[in-house]
């Protein structure tokens, strides 16, 4: 069974679905075709989740650039001190 993923799915929901697919594959209870479908769905989720992480890293980088354009390194919560 090939499962399609929705690009609008939240990172957390996608990760939860990926963990469920991994558990199914690790159980060894799936028929070959079902296992291949689960693997394909999992790889699609991995690509989508990786893209979401890359986008988040880019946003963080943009948000932490100083007025001169140079990256500023700050510890999380440093602004709260």
C-alpha atoms as a PDB file:
ATOM      1  CA  UNK A   1       0.000   0.000   0.000  1.00  0.00           C
ATOM      2  CA  UNK A   2       1.615   3.264  -1.130  1.00  0.00           C
ATOM      3  CA  UNK A   3       0.639   6.156   1.071  1.00  0.00           C
ATOM      4  CA  UNK A   4       0.841   9.724  -0.108  1.00  0.00           C
ATOM      5  CA  UNK A   5       1.911  12.450   2.294  1.00  0.00           C
ATOM      6  CA  UNK A   6       0.494  15.936   2.474  1.00  0.00           C
ATOM      7  CA  UNK A   7       3.100  18.708   2.160  1.00  0.00           C
ATOM      8  CA  UNK A   8       1.047  20.789   4.596  1.00  0.00           C
ATOM      9  CA  UNK A   9       1.432  18.208   7.369  1.00  0.00           C
ATOM     10  CA  UNK A  10       3.103  19.527  10.497  1.00  0.00           C
ATOM     11  CA  UNK A  11       6.613  18.391  11.283  1.00  0.00           C
ATOM     12  CA  UNK A  12       5.427  16.666  14.433  1.00  0.00           C
ATOM     13  CA  UNK A  13       2.635  14.787  12.653  1.00  0.00           C
ATOM     14  CA  UNK A  14       5.011  13.736   9.877  1.00  0.00           C
ATOM     15  CA  UNK A  15       7.576  12.517  12.375  1.00  0.00           C
ATOM     16  CA  UNK A  16       4.905  10.565  14.246  1.00  0.00           C
ATOM     17  CA  UNK A  17       3.773   8.929  10.990  1.00  0.00           C
ATOM     18  CA  UNK A  18       7.384   8.120  10.072  1.00  0.00           C
ATOM     19  CA  UNK A  19       7.945   6.482  13.462  1.00  0.00           C
ATOM     20  CA  UNK A  20       4.793   4.385  12.938  1.00  0.00           C
ATOM     21  CA  UNK A  21       6.027   3.263   9.518  1.00  0.00           C
ATOM     22  CA  UNK A  22       9.417   2.314  10.964  1.00  0.00           C
ATOM     23  CA  UNK A  23       7.709   0.300  13.699  1.00  0.00           C
ATOM     24  CA  UNK A  24       5.647  -1.547  11.071  1.00  0.00           C
ATOM     25  CA  UNK A  25       8.748  -2.319   9.040  1.00  0.00           C
ATOM     26  CA  UNK A  26      10.711  -3.447  12.093  1.00  0.00           C
ATOM     27  CA  UNK A  27       7.920  -5.767  13.183  1.00  0.00           C
ATOM     28  CA  UNK A  28       8.512  -7.958  10.159  1.00  0.00           C
ATOM     29  CA  UNK A  29       4.763  -8.614   9.861  1.00  0.00           C
ATOM     30  CA  UNK A  30       4.268  -6.857   6.514  1.00  0.00           C
ATOM     31  CA  UNK A  31       4.081  -8.682   3.199  1.00  0.00           C
ATOM     32  CA  UNK A  32       6.779  -7.706   0.727  1.00  0.00           C
ATOM     33  CA  UNK A  33       4.587  -5.342  -1.313  1.00  0.00           C
ATOM     34  CA  UNK A  34       3.233  -3.691   1.837  1.00  0.00           C
ATOM     35  CA  UNK A  35       6.758  -3.331   3.208  1.00  0.00           C
ATOM     36  CA  UNK A  36       7.920  -1.715  -0.029  1.00  0.00           C
ATOM     37  CA  UNK A  37       4.960   0.668   0.073  1.00  0.00           C
ATOM     38  CA  UNK A  38       5.709   1.559   3.691  1.00  0.00           C
ATOM     39  CA  UNK A  39       9.371   2.113   2.808  1.00  0.00           C
ATOM     40  CA  UNK A  40       8.438   4.392  -0.108  1.00  0.00           C
ATOM     41  CA  UNK A  41       6.027   6.358   2.077  1.00  0.00           C
ATOM     42  CA  UNK A  42       8.699   6.653   4.764  1.00  0.00           C
ATOM     43  CA  UNK A  43      11.285   7.934   2.311  1.00  0.00           C
ATOM     44  CA  UNK A  44       8.797  10.523   1.072  1.00  0.00           C
ATOM     45  CA  UNK A  45       8.241  11.645   4.651  1.00  0.00           C
ATOM     46  CA  UNK A  46      11.998  11.796   5.272  1.00  0.00           C
ATOM     47  CA  UNK A  47      12.403  14.109   2.271  1.00  0.00           C
ATOM     48  CA  UNK A  48       9.479  16.307   3.355  1.00  0.00           C
ATOM     49  CA  UNK A  49      10.675  16.501   6.968  1.00  0.00           C
ATOM     50  CA  UNK A  50      14.222  17.284   5.849  1.00  0.00           C
ATOM     51  CA  UNK A  51      12.886  20.125   3.693  1.00  0.00           C
ATOM     52  CA  UNK A  52      10.958  21.498   6.682  1.00  0.00           C
ATOM     53  CA  UNK A  53      14.104  21.366   8.835  1.00  0.00           C
ATOM     54  CA  UNK A  54      16.148  23.121   6.153  1.00  0.00           C
ATOM     55  CA  UNK A  55      13.500  25.845   5.892  1.00  0.00           C
ATOM     56  CA  UNK A  56      13.504  26.277   9.677  1.00  0.00           C
ATOM     57  CA  UNK A  57      17.319  26.551   9.729  1.00  0.00           C
ATOM     58  CA  UNK A  58      17.142  29.209   7.009  1.00  0.00           C
ATOM     59  CA  UNK A  59      14.558  31.186   8.968  1.00  0.00           C
ATOM     60  CA  UNK A  60      16.718  31.018  12.092  1.00  0.00           C
ATOM     61  CA  UNK A  61      19.752  32.185  10.135  1.00  0.00           C
ATOM     62  CA  UNK A  62      17.808  35.118   8.697  1.00  0.00           C
ATOM     63  CA  UNK A  63      16.469  36.050  12.116  1.00  0.00           C
ATOM     64  CA  UNK A  64      19.930  36.000  13.700  1.00  0.00           C
ATOM     65  CA  UNK A  65      21.723  38.203  11.158  1.00  0.00           C
ATOM     66  CA  UNK A  66      22.965  41.489  12.558  1.00  0.00           C
ATOM     67  CA  UNK A  67      22.407  44.910  11.024  1.00  0.00           C
ATOM     68  CA  UNK A  68      25.597  44.509   8.979  1.00  0.00           C
ATOM     69  CA  UNK A  69      24.425  41.172   7.565  1.00  0.00           C
ATOM     70  CA  UNK A  70      26.895  39.104   9.581  1.00  0.00           C
ATOM     71  CA  UNK A  71      25.583  36.155  11.522  1.00  0.00           C
ATOM     72  CA  UNK A  72      25.405  36.722  15.233  1.00  0.00           C
ATOM     73  CA  UNK A  73      25.776  33.729  17.513  1.00  0.00           C
ATOM     74  CA  UNK A  74      23.540  33.791  20.549  1.00  0.00           C
ATOM     75  CA  UNK A  75      22.607  31.135  23.027  1.00  0.00           C
ATOM     76  CA  UNK A  76      18.950  30.213  23.189  1.00  0.00           C
ATOM     77  CA  UNK A  77      17.248  32.368  25.792  1.00  0.00           C
ATOM     78  CA  UNK A  78      20.096  34.900  25.791  1.00  0.00           C
ATOM     79  CA  UNK A  79      17.661  37.715  24.990  1.00  0.00           C
ATOM     80  CA  UNK A  80      15.775  36.985  28.181  1.00  0.00           C
ATOM     81  CA  UNK A  81      18.731  37.860  30.444  1.00  0.00           C
END
